[in-house]
């Protein structure tokens, strides 16, 4: 049996869905960690509406 993803409502009809560096890494996130999480989201979660990556506090 093939499972098809549910249609994603237009962006303005749903809350933002994404990953935030603060939730797992606090102030210690590295560029490699951000890129790895963004790649995972693209490959596994984008089809379900997860389309935002936020690099939070103290990124410099």
N, C-alpha and C. Protein backbone atom coordinates (compact mmCIF):
# COMPACT_ATOMS: atom_id res chain seq x y z
N UNK A 1 0.84 -1.17 0.00
CA UNK A 1 0.00 0.00 0.00
C UNK A 1 0.89 1.25 0.00
N UNK A 2 0.62 2.14 -0.91
CA UNK A 2 1.37 3.39 -0.99
C UNK A 2 0.67 4.45 -0.17
N UNK A 3 1.44 5.15 0.64
CA UNK A 3 0.88 6.21 1.46
C UNK A 3 1.27 7.55 0.85
N UNK A 4 0.27 8.35 0.54
CA UNK A 4 0.52 9.66 -0.04
C UNK A 4 0.45 10.72 1.05
N UNK A 5 1.36 11.70 1.01
CA UNK A 5 1.30 12.77 2.03
C UNK A 5 0.03 13.59 1.88
N UNK A 6 -0.46 14.06 3.02
CA UNK A 6 -1.63 14.94 2.98
C UNK A 6 -1.24 16.25 2.33
N UNK A 7 -2.17 16.91 1.64
CA UNK A 7 -1.84 18.21 1.06
C UNK A 7 -1.54 19.23 2.16
N UNK A 8 -0.57 20.07 1.90
CA UNK A 8 -0.18 21.09 2.87
C UNK A 8 -0.99 22.34 2.59
N UNK A 9 -1.67 22.88 3.63
CA UNK A 9 -2.43 24.11 3.40
C UNK A 9 -1.51 25.27 3.03
N UNK A 10 -2.06 26.24 2.38
CA UNK A 10 -1.28 27.43 2.06
C UNK A 10 -0.60 27.95 3.32
N UNK A 11 0.57 28.50 3.15
CA UNK A 11 1.39 28.92 4.28
C UNK A 11 0.66 29.88 5.22
N UNK A 12 -0.14 30.77 4.70
CA UNK A 12 -0.82 31.74 5.56
C UNK A 12 -1.95 31.10 6.38
N UNK A 13 -2.29 29.85 6.10
CA UNK A 13 -3.35 29.17 6.82
C UNK A 13 -2.83 28.23 7.90
N UNK A 14 -1.51 28.18 8.10
CA UNK A 14 -0.94 27.30 9.12
C UNK A 14 0.16 28.02 9.89
N UNK A 15 0.48 27.53 11.07
CA UNK A 15 1.56 28.17 11.83
C UNK A 15 2.91 27.85 11.19
N UNK A 16 3.94 28.64 11.50
CA UNK A 16 5.28 28.31 10.99
C UNK A 16 5.71 26.95 11.53
N UNK A 17 6.33 26.18 10.67
CA UNK A 17 6.81 24.85 11.07
C UNK A 17 8.28 24.76 10.71
N UNK A 18 9.12 24.56 11.74
CA UNK A 18 10.54 24.50 11.45
C UNK A 18 11.39 24.11 12.63
N UNK A 19 12.67 24.29 12.47
CA UNK A 19 13.68 23.92 13.45
C UNK A 19 14.34 25.18 13.96
N UNK A 20 14.62 25.23 15.27
CA UNK A 20 15.27 26.37 15.89
C UNK A 20 16.50 25.86 16.63
N UNK A 21 17.64 26.45 16.38
CA UNK A 21 18.89 25.98 16.96
C UNK A 21 18.89 26.01 18.49
N UNK A 22 18.18 26.96 19.08
CA UNK A 22 18.19 27.11 20.53
C UNK A 22 17.64 25.87 21.24
N UNK A 23 16.65 25.22 20.65
CA UNK A 23 15.99 24.09 21.29
C UNK A 23 16.93 22.95 21.62
N UNK A 24 17.94 22.72 20.81
CA UNK A 24 18.86 21.60 21.05
C UNK A 24 20.27 22.04 21.43
N UNK A 25 20.70 23.17 20.93
CA UNK A 25 22.10 23.54 21.07
C UNK A 25 22.36 24.78 21.93
N UNK A 26 21.32 25.51 22.28
CA UNK A 26 21.54 26.75 23.04
C UNK A 26 22.45 27.68 22.26
N UNK A 27 23.50 28.16 22.90
CA UNK A 27 24.42 29.10 22.25
C UNK A 27 25.61 28.41 21.59
N UNK A 28 25.63 27.08 21.56
CA UNK A 28 26.81 26.37 21.08
C UNK A 28 26.69 25.81 19.66
N UNK A 29 25.63 26.12 18.93
CA UNK A 29 25.42 25.55 17.60
C UNK A 29 26.54 25.95 16.64
N UNK A 30 26.92 25.01 15.79
CA UNK A 30 27.94 25.27 14.77
C UNK A 30 27.30 25.28 13.38
N UNK A 31 28.03 25.81 12.43
CA UNK A 31 27.53 25.83 11.06
C UNK A 31 27.26 24.42 10.54
N UNK A 32 28.13 23.48 10.83
CA UNK A 32 27.94 22.10 10.38
C UNK A 32 26.66 21.50 10.96
N UNK A 33 26.36 21.78 12.21
CA UNK A 33 25.13 21.26 12.84
C UNK A 33 23.89 21.86 12.20
N UNK A 34 23.93 23.15 11.92
CA UNK A 34 22.79 23.80 11.27
C UNK A 34 22.57 23.19 9.88
N UNK A 35 23.64 23.05 9.12
CA UNK A 35 23.51 22.49 7.77
C UNK A 35 23.02 21.05 7.80
N UNK A 36 23.47 20.26 8.76
CA UNK A 36 23.02 18.87 8.87
C UNK A 36 21.53 18.81 9.20
N UNK A 37 21.08 19.65 10.12
CA UNK A 37 19.66 19.68 10.46
C UNK A 37 18.81 20.18 9.30
N UNK A 38 19.30 21.17 8.57
CA UNK A 38 18.57 21.69 7.41
C UNK A 38 18.47 20.62 6.32
N UNK A 39 19.54 19.86 6.11
CA UNK A 39 19.51 18.79 5.11
C UNK A 39 18.52 17.70 5.51
N UNK A 40 18.49 17.34 6.79
CA UNK A 40 17.54 16.33 7.26
C UNK A 40 16.11 16.81 7.05
N UNK A 41 15.85 18.08 7.42
CA UNK A 41 14.51 18.62 7.23
C UNK A 41 14.12 18.59 5.75
N UNK A 42 15.02 18.98 4.88
CA UNK A 42 14.73 18.97 3.45
C UNK A 42 14.38 17.57 2.96
N UNK A 43 15.17 16.60 3.39
CA UNK A 43 14.99 15.23 2.89
C UNK A 43 13.79 14.51 3.49
N UNK A 44 13.44 14.84 4.74
CA UNK A 44 12.43 14.04 5.44
C UNK A 44 11.18 14.79 5.90
N UNK A 45 11.24 16.12 5.98
CA UNK A 45 10.13 16.84 6.59
C UNK A 45 9.51 17.92 5.70
N UNK A 46 10.19 18.32 4.65
CA UNK A 46 9.68 19.38 3.78
C UNK A 46 8.32 19.02 3.18
N UNK A 47 8.16 17.78 2.79
CA UNK A 47 6.89 17.35 2.19
C UNK A 47 5.72 17.43 3.16
N UNK A 48 6.03 17.56 4.45
CA UNK A 48 4.99 17.64 5.48
C UNK A 48 4.81 19.07 6.01
N UNK A 49 5.46 20.04 5.37
CA UNK A 49 5.26 21.44 5.73
C UNK A 49 6.36 22.07 6.57
N UNK A 50 7.34 21.30 6.99
CA UNK A 50 8.44 21.85 7.78
C UNK A 50 9.41 22.53 6.82
N UNK A 51 9.42 23.87 6.82
CA UNK A 51 10.19 24.57 5.79
C UNK A 51 11.02 25.74 6.31
N UNK A 52 11.21 25.83 7.63
CA UNK A 52 11.92 26.98 8.19
C UNK A 52 13.05 26.52 9.09
N UNK A 53 14.23 27.13 8.93
CA UNK A 53 15.38 26.88 9.81
C UNK A 53 15.77 28.21 10.42
N UNK A 54 15.81 28.27 11.75
CA UNK A 54 16.15 29.50 12.46
C UNK A 54 17.44 29.26 13.25
N UNK A 55 18.43 30.12 13.03
CA UNK A 55 19.63 30.11 13.85
C UNK A 55 19.43 31.20 14.89
N UNK A 56 19.31 30.78 16.13
CA UNK A 56 18.94 31.69 17.22
C UNK A 56 20.19 32.31 17.86
N UNK A 57 20.03 32.94 18.93
CA UNK A 57 20.94 33.74 19.74
C UNK A 57 22.45 33.42 19.58
N UNK A 58 23.22 34.45 19.57
CA UNK A 58 24.70 34.43 19.59
C UNK A 58 25.33 33.74 18.39
N UNK A 59 24.78 33.93 17.21
CA UNK A 59 25.38 33.39 16.00
C UNK A 59 26.24 34.48 15.39
N UNK A 60 27.53 34.38 15.57
CA UNK A 60 28.44 35.38 14.99
C UNK A 60 29.82 34.81 14.85
